[in-house]
C-alpha atoms as a PDB file:
ATOM      1  CA  MET A   1      13.545  81.533  47.730  1.00  0.00           C
ATOM      2  CA  SER A   2      10.084  80.106  47.095  1.00  0.00           C
ATOM      3  CA  LEU A   3       9.371  76.441  46.608  1.00  0.00           C
ATOM      4  CA  ALA A   4       8.046  77.022  43.084  1.00  0.00           C
ATOM      5  CA  LYS A   5      11.409  78.434  41.936  1.00  0.00           C
ATOM      6  CA  LYS A   6      13.224  75.303  43.051  1.00  0.00           C
ATOM      7  CA  ILE A   7      11.063  72.954  40.984  1.00  0.00           C
ATOM      8  CA  THR A   8      12.597  72.149  37.618  1.00  0.00           C
ATOM      9  CA  PRO A   9      10.819  70.980  34.459  1.00  0.00           C
ATOM     10  CA  ALA A  10      12.382  67.544  35.061  1.00  0.00           C
ATOM     11  CA  ASP A  11      10.871  67.500  38.558  1.00  0.00           C
ATOM     12  CA  GLU A  12       7.445  68.325  37.160  1.00  0.00           C
ATOM     13  CA  TYR A  13       7.792  65.692  34.448  1.00  0.00           C
ATOM     14  CA  PHE A  14       8.797  63.058  37.002  1.00  0.00           C
ATOM     15  CA  VAL A  15       5.870  63.934  39.288  1.00  0.00           C
ATOM     16  CA  SER A  16       3.384  63.880  36.415  1.00  0.00           C
ATOM     17  CA  LEU A  17       4.607  60.410  35.403  1.00  0.00           C
ATOM     18  CA  VAL A  18       4.417  59.129  38.983  1.00  0.00           C
ATOM     19  CA  THR A  19       0.950  60.521  39.689  1.00  0.00           C
ATOM     20  CA  GLU A  20      -0.523  59.127  36.483  1.00  0.00           C
ATOM     21  CA  GLY A  21       0.073  55.729  38.063  1.00  0.00           C
ATOM     22  CA  HIS A  22       0.998  53.860  34.903  1.00  0.00           C
ATOM     23  CA  MET A  23       4.660  53.245  35.605  1.00  0.00           C
ATOM     24  CA  LYS A  24       7.036  52.420  38.397  1.00  0.00           C
ATOM     25  CA  ASN A  25       8.813  55.246  40.185  1.00  0.00           C
ATOM     26  CA  MET A  26      12.217  54.119  38.895  1.00  0.00           C
ATOM     27  CA  ASP A  27      11.009  54.097  35.278  1.00  0.00           C
ATOM     28  CA  ALA A  28       9.641  57.629  35.707  1.00  0.00           C
ATOM     29  CA  TYR A  29      12.942  58.636  37.312  1.00  0.00           C
ATOM     30  CA  PHE A  30      14.901  57.426  34.290  1.00  0.00           C
ATOM     31  CA  LEU A  31      12.557  59.174  31.854  1.00  0.00           C
ATOM     32  CA  ALA A  32      12.852  62.467  33.730  1.00  0.00           C
ATOM     33  CA  PHE A  33      16.579  62.102  34.371  1.00  0.00           C
ATOM     34  CA  PRO A  34      17.987  59.877  31.589  1.00  0.00           C
ATOM     35  CA  HIS A  35      21.611  60.555  32.520  1.00  0.00           C
ATOM     36  CA  TYR A  36      21.088  58.686  35.822  1.00  0.00           C
ATOM     37  CA  LYS A  37      20.819  55.369  33.957  1.00  0.00           C
ATOM     38  CA  GLU A  38      24.620  55.281  33.915  1.00  0.00           C
ATOM     39  CA  ARG A  39      24.774  54.976  37.715  1.00  0.00           C
ATOM     40  CA  SER A  40      24.545  51.677  39.566  1.00  0.00           C
ATOM     41  CA  GLU A  41      21.169  50.199  40.501  1.00  0.00           C
ATOM     42  CA  GLY A  42      21.910  50.562  44.216  1.00  0.00           C
ATOM     43  CA  THR A  43      22.811  54.222  43.827  1.00  0.00           C
ATOM     44  CA  ASN A  44      19.678  54.937  41.818  1.00  0.00           C
ATOM     45  CA  THR A  45      17.462  53.106  44.308  1.00  0.00           C
ATOM     46  CA  SER A  46      18.922  55.047  47.207  1.00  0.00           C
ATOM     47  CA  GLU A  47      18.842  58.396  45.363  1.00  0.00           C
ATOM     48  CA  LEU A  48      15.252  57.855  44.231  1.00  0.00           C
ATOM     49  CA  SER A  49      14.196  57.123  47.788  1.00  0.00           C
ATOM     50  CA  LEU A  50      15.817  60.346  49.006  1.00  0.00           C
ATOM     51  CA  TYR A  51      14.398  62.302  46.069  1.00  0.00           C
ATOM     52  CA  LEU A  52      10.832  61.164  46.788  1.00  0.00           C
ATOM     53  CA  ARG A  53      11.185  62.336  50.402  1.00  0.00           C
ATOM     54  CA  THR A  54      12.400  65.838  49.595  1.00  0.00           C
ATOM     55  CA  PRO A  55       9.816  68.448  50.574  1.00  0.00           C
ATOM     56  CA  LYS A  56       9.592  69.931  47.076  1.00  0.00           C
ATOM     57  CA  ILE A  57       8.843  66.561  45.454  1.00  0.00           C
ATOM     58  CA  SER A  58       6.556  65.152  48.162  1.00  0.00           C
ATOM     59  CA  SER A  59       4.593  68.442  48.197  1.00  0.00           C
ATOM     60  CA  LEU A  60       4.375  68.491  44.414  1.00  0.00           C
ATOM     61  CA  ILE A  61       3.177  64.870  44.317  1.00  0.00           C
ATOM     62  CA  GLU A  62       0.489  65.637  46.898  1.00  0.00           C
ATOM     63  CA  ALA A  63      -0.597  68.735  44.961  1.00  0.00           C
ATOM     64  CA  TYR A  64      -0.885  66.729  41.715  1.00  0.00           C
ATOM     65  CA  ARG A  65      -2.834  63.975  43.490  1.00  0.00           C
ATOM     66  CA  ALA A  66      -5.178  66.506  45.109  1.00  0.00           C
ATOM     67  CA  GLU A  67      -5.858  68.030  41.695  1.00  0.00           C
ATOM     68  CA  ILE A  68      -6.566  64.588  40.241  1.00  0.00           C
ATOM     69  CA  ARG A  69      -8.960  63.800  43.111  1.00  0.00           C
ATOM     70  CA  GLU A  70     -10.719  67.126  42.670  1.00  0.00           C
ATOM     71  CA  ASN A  71     -11.169  66.611  38.953  1.00  0.00           C
ATOM     72  CA  THR A  72     -12.276  62.990  39.129  1.00  0.00           C
ATOM     73  CA  THR A  73     -14.636  62.873  42.097  1.00  0.00           C
ATOM     74  CA  MET A  74     -18.079  64.277  42.542  1.00  0.00           C
ATOM     75  CA  SER A  75     -18.464  66.802  45.306  1.00  0.00           C
ATOM     76  CA  ILE A  76     -20.609  65.924  48.283  1.00  0.00           C
ATOM     77  CA  GLU A  77     -22.837  68.895  47.548  1.00  0.00           C
ATOM     78  CA  TYR A  78     -23.359  67.667  43.980  1.00  0.00           C
ATOM     79  CA  MET A  79     -24.309  64.155  45.129  1.00  0.00           C
ATOM     80  CA  LEU A  80     -26.758  65.429  47.736  1.00  0.00           C
ATOM     81  CA  CYS A  81     -28.286  67.830  45.208  1.00  0.00           C
ATOM     82  CA  LYS A  82     -28.808  64.986  42.714  1.00  0.00           C
ATOM     83  CA  LEU A  83     -30.342  62.750  45.408  1.00  0.00           C
ATOM     84  CA  LYS A  84     -32.724  65.579  46.307  1.00  0.00           C
ATOM     85  CA  GLU A  85     -33.700  66.055  42.658  1.00  0.00           C
ATOM     86  CA  PHE A  86     -34.322  62.318  42.375  1.00  0.00           C
ATOM     87  CA  VAL A  87     -36.532  62.298  45.467  1.00  0.00           C
ATOM     88  CA  GLU A  88     -38.539  65.279  44.205  1.00  0.00           C
ATOM     89  CA  ASP A  89     -39.060  63.808  40.711  1.00  0.00           C
ATOM     90  CA  PRO A  90     -42.718  62.690  40.429  1.00  0.00           C
ATOM     91  CA  ASN A  91     -41.788  60.012  37.856  1.00  0.00           C
ATOM     92  CA  VAL A  92     -39.507  58.112  40.254  1.00  0.00           C
ATOM     93  CA  ARG A  93     -40.856  55.054  42.084  1.00  0.00           C
ATOM     94  CA  ALA A  94     -41.441  55.350  45.834  1.00  0.00           C
ATOM     95  CA  ASN A  95     -38.915  52.610  46.660  1.00  0.00           C
ATOM     96  CA  ASP A  96     -36.215  54.416  44.691  1.00  0.00           C
ATOM     97  CA  LYS A  97     -37.020  57.661  46.486  1.00  0.00           C
ATOM     98  CA  ILE A  98     -36.782  55.933  49.844  1.00  0.00           C
ATOM     99  CA  LYS A  99     -33.371  54.489  48.923  1.00  0.00           C
ATOM    100  CA  SER A 100     -32.190  57.960  47.828  1.00  0.00           C
ATOM    101  CA  MET A 101     -33.332  59.462  51.098  1.00  0.00           C
ATOM    102  CA  GLU A 102     -31.627  56.633  52.981  1.00  0.00           C
ATOM    103  CA  LEU A 103     -28.325  57.325  51.203  1.00  0.00           C
ATOM    104  CA  ALA A 104     -28.577  61.048  51.895  1.00  0.00           C
ATOM    105  CA  GLY A 105     -29.507  60.368  55.519  1.00  0.00           C
ATOM    106  CA  LYS A 106     -26.610  57.970  56.028  1.00  0.00           C
ATOM    107  CA  PHE A 107     -24.196  60.517  54.687  1.00  0.00           C
ATOM    108  CA  GLN A 108     -25.561  63.257  56.918  1.00  0.00           C
ATOM    109  CA  GLY A 109     -25.430  61.018  59.997  1.00  0.00           C
ATOM    110  CA  ALA A 110     -29.169  60.642  60.460  1.00  0.00           C
ATOM    111  CA  PHE A 111     -28.755  56.906  61.056  1.00  0.00           C
ATOM    112  CA  THR A 112     -26.262  55.663  63.592  1.00  0.00           C
ATOM    113  CA  GLN A 113     -25.345  52.117  64.386  1.00  0.00           C
ATOM    114  CA  LYS A 114     -24.403  51.129  67.877  1.00  0.00           C
ATOM    115  CA  ILE A 115     -22.500  47.871  68.063  1.00  0.00           C
ATOM    116  CA  GLN A 116     -22.113  46.110  71.371  1.00  0.00           C
ATOM    117  CA  HIS A 117     -19.213  43.720  71.733  1.00  0.00           C
ATOM    118  CA  SER A 118     -21.131  41.301  73.934  1.00  0.00           C
ATOM    119  CA  GLY A 119     -21.998  39.117  70.980  1.00  0.00           C
ATOM    120  CA  GLY A 120     -25.171  40.834  69.815  1.00  0.00           C
ATOM    121  CA  VAL A 121     -25.674  43.762  67.502  1.00  0.00           C
ATOM    122  CA  GLU A 122     -27.935  46.635  68.413  1.00  0.00           C
ATOM    123  CA  VAL A 123     -28.936  49.050  65.671  1.00  0.00           C
ATOM    124  CA  SER A 124     -30.583  52.340  66.457  1.00  0.00           C
ATOM    125  CA  HIS A 125     -31.888  54.866  63.945  1.00  0.00           C
ATOM    126  CA  ASN A 126     -32.278  58.557  64.557  1.00  0.00           C
ATOM    127  CA  ILE A 127     -34.936  59.598  62.064  1.00  0.00           C
ATOM    128  CA  THR A 128     -35.944  63.236  62.042  1.00  0.00           C
ATOM    129  CA  PRO A 129     -39.665  64.061  61.984  1.00  0.00           C
ATOM    130  CA  GLU A 130     -39.194  65.615  58.535  1.00  0.00           C
ATOM    131  CA  MET A 131     -37.709  62.395  57.164  1.00  0.00           C
ATOM    132  CA  ALA A 132     -40.469  60.295  58.710  1.00  0.00           C
ATOM    133  CA  ALA A 133     -43.095  62.578  57.165  1.00  0.00           C
ATOM    134  CA  ALA A 134     -41.389  62.397  53.766  1.00  0.00           C
ATOM    135  CA  VAL A 135     -41.376  58.581  53.892  1.00  0.00           C
ATOM    136  CA  ASP A 136     -45.038  58.547  54.938  1.00  0.00           C
ATOM    137  CA  ASP A 137     -45.907  60.837  52.008  1.00  0.00           C
ATOM    138  CA  LEU A 138     -44.074  58.571  49.573  1.00  0.00           C
ATOM    139  CA  LEU A 139     -45.820  55.441  50.816  1.00  0.00           C
ATOM    140  CA  ARG A 140     -49.313  56.930  50.382  1.00  0.00           C
END
Protein backbone atom coordinates (compact mmCIF):
# COMPACT_ATOMS: atom_id res chain seq x y z
CA MET A 1 0.00 0.00 0.00
CA SER A 2 1.49 3.35 -1.00
CA LEU A 3 1.94 6.25 1.36
CA ALA A 4 -0.39 8.46 -0.69
CA LYS A 5 -3.32 6.06 -0.15
CA LYS A 6 -2.93 6.26 3.61
CA ILE A 7 -3.21 10.05 3.73
CA THR A 8 -6.74 11.23 4.45
CA PRO A 9 -8.29 14.60 3.60
CA ALA A 10 -8.16 15.40 7.34
CA ASP A 11 -4.43 14.65 7.34
CA GLU A 12 -3.89 16.99 4.41
CA TYR A 13 -6.00 19.70 6.03
CA PHE A 14 -4.05 19.40 9.28
CA VAL A 15 -0.70 19.59 7.46
CA SER A 16 -1.78 22.59 5.41
CA LEU A 17 -2.82 24.42 8.60
CA VAL A 18 0.45 23.55 10.34
CA THR A 19 2.69 24.54 7.44
CA GLU A 20 0.97 27.88 6.93
CA GLY A 21 2.42 28.78 10.32
CA HIS A 22 -0.47 30.88 11.57
CA MET A 23 -1.74 28.61 14.31
CA LYS A 24 -0.55 26.24 16.97
CA ASN A 25 -0.36 22.54 16.19
CA MET A 26 -3.10 21.72 18.71
CA ASP A 27 -5.49 24.27 17.18
CA ALA A 28 -4.87 22.78 13.73
CA TYR A 29 -5.40 19.31 15.20
CA PHE A 30 -8.81 20.30 16.55
CA LEU A 31 -9.84 21.91 13.26
CA ALA A 32 -8.86 18.82 11.28
CA PHE A 33 -10.25 16.38 13.85
CA PRO A 34 -13.03 18.21 15.74
CA HIS A 35 -14.26 15.07 17.50
CA TYR A 36 -10.97 14.90 19.45
CA LYS A 37 -11.95 17.99 21.47
CA GLU A 38 -13.99 15.67 23.69
CA ARG A 39 -10.84 13.89 24.92
CA SER A 40 -8.74 15.12 27.82
CA GLU A 41 -5.97 17.67 27.28
CA GLY A 42 -3.30 15.16 28.30
CA THR A 43 -4.58 12.58 25.84
CA ASN A 44 -4.70 15.10 23.02
CA THR A 45 -1.20 16.38 23.78
CA SER A 46 0.20 12.86 23.77
CA GLU A 47 -1.74 11.80 20.66
CA LEU A 48 -0.72 14.94 18.77
CA SER A 49 2.91 14.29 19.58
CA LEU A 50 2.65 10.73 18.26
CA TYR A 51 0.69 11.89 15.22
CA LEU A 52 3.33 14.46 14.25
CA ARG A 53 6.01 11.75 14.38
CA THR A 54 4.23 9.27 12.13
CA PRO A 55 6.08 8.84 8.84
CA LYS A 56 3.07 9.81 6.72
CA ILE A 57 2.55 13.11 8.55
CA SER A 58 6.22 14.06 9.00
CA SER A 59 6.85 13.29 5.30
CA LEU A 60 3.79 15.26 4.24
CA ILE A 61 4.82 18.24 6.38
CA GLU A 62 8.30 18.20 4.86
CA ALA A 63 6.85 17.97 1.34
CA TYR A 64 4.54 20.95 1.99
CA ARG A 65 7.42 22.97 3.46
CA ALA A 66 9.69 22.12 0.52
CA GLU A 67 6.99 23.30 -1.88
CA ILE A 68 6.60 26.54 0.08
CA ARG A 69 10.37 27.11 0.02
CA GLU A 70 10.50 26.42 -3.71
CA ASN A 71 7.69 28.84 -4.44
CA THR A 72 8.90 31.63 -2.18
CA THR A 73 12.65 31.73 -2.73
CA MET A 74 14.66 32.82 -5.70
CA SER A 75 16.85 30.18 -7.25
CA ILE A 76 20.59 30.60 -7.08
CA GLU A 77 20.77 30.57 -10.86
CA TYR A 78 18.21 33.39 -11.03
CA MET A 79 20.14 35.54 -8.54
CA LEU A 80 23.45 35.03 -10.32
CA CYS A 81 21.83 35.78 -13.68
CA LYS A 82 20.39 39.05 -12.33
CA LEU A 83 23.75 40.04 -10.81
CA LYS A 84 25.39 39.39 -14.18
CA GLU A 85 22.79 41.51 -15.98
CA PHE A 86 23.37 44.29 -13.46
CA VAL A 87 27.14 44.17 -13.97
CA GLU A 88 26.75 44.25 -17.76
CA ASP A 89 24.29 47.18 -17.73
CA PRO A 90 26.14 50.30 -19.00
CA ASN A 91 23.84 52.59 -16.98
CA VAL A 92 24.89 51.13 -13.61
CA ARG A 93 27.54 52.92 -11.54
CA ALA A 94 30.96 51.27 -11.22
CA ASN A 95 30.67 50.93 -7.43
CA ASP A 96 27.35 49.11 -7.78
CA LYS A 97 28.86 46.78 -10.36
CA ILE A 98 31.77 46.02 -8.07
CA LYS A 99 29.39 45.20 -5.21
CA SER A 100 27.39 42.90 -7.53
CA MET A 101 30.54 41.11 -8.58
CA GLU A 102 31.58 40.82 -4.94
CA LEU A 103 28.26 39.20 -4.02
CA ALA A 104 28.48 36.77 -6.93
CA GLY A 105 32.10 35.99 -6.07
CA LYS A 106 31.31 35.36 -2.41
CA PHE A 107 28.57 32.97 -3.35
CA GLN A 108 30.80 31.08 -5.76
CA GLY A 109 33.61 30.83 -3.19
CA ALA A 110 36.02 33.18 -4.92
CA PHE A 111 36.80 34.88 -1.61
CA THR A 112 37.77 32.82 1.39
CA GLN A 113 38.41 33.99 4.89
CA LYS A 114 40.97 32.28 7.04
CA ILE A 115 40.55 32.96 10.73
CA GLN A 116 43.35 32.16 13.12
CA HIS A 117 42.43 31.60 16.74
CA SER A 118 45.61 33.18 18.07
CA GLY A 119 43.88 36.50 18.59
CA GLY A 120 44.35 38.03 15.15
CA VAL A 121 42.30 37.71 12.02
CA GLU A 122 43.88 36.95 8.68
CA VAL A 123 41.79 37.47 5.56
CA SER A 124 42.89 36.13 2.22
CA HIS A 125 41.14 36.66 -1.10
CA ASN A 126 41.38 34.38 -4.08
CA ILE A 127 40.56 36.65 -7.01
CA THR A 128 40.60 35.09 -10.45
CA PRO A 129 42.41 36.96 -13.24
CA GLU A 130 39.06 37.42 -15.01
CA MET A 131 37.55 39.11 -11.95
CA ALA A 132 40.58 41.35 -11.51
CA ALA A 133 40.38 42.38 -15.17
CA ALA A 134 36.65 43.09 -14.86
CA VAL A 135 37.25 45.32 -11.82
CA ASP A 136 40.07 47.13 -13.63
CA ASP A 137 37.77 47.73 -16.62
CA LEU A 138 35.06 49.14 -14.37
CA LEU A 139 37.44 51.51 -12.61
CA ARG A 140 38.73 53.02 -15.88
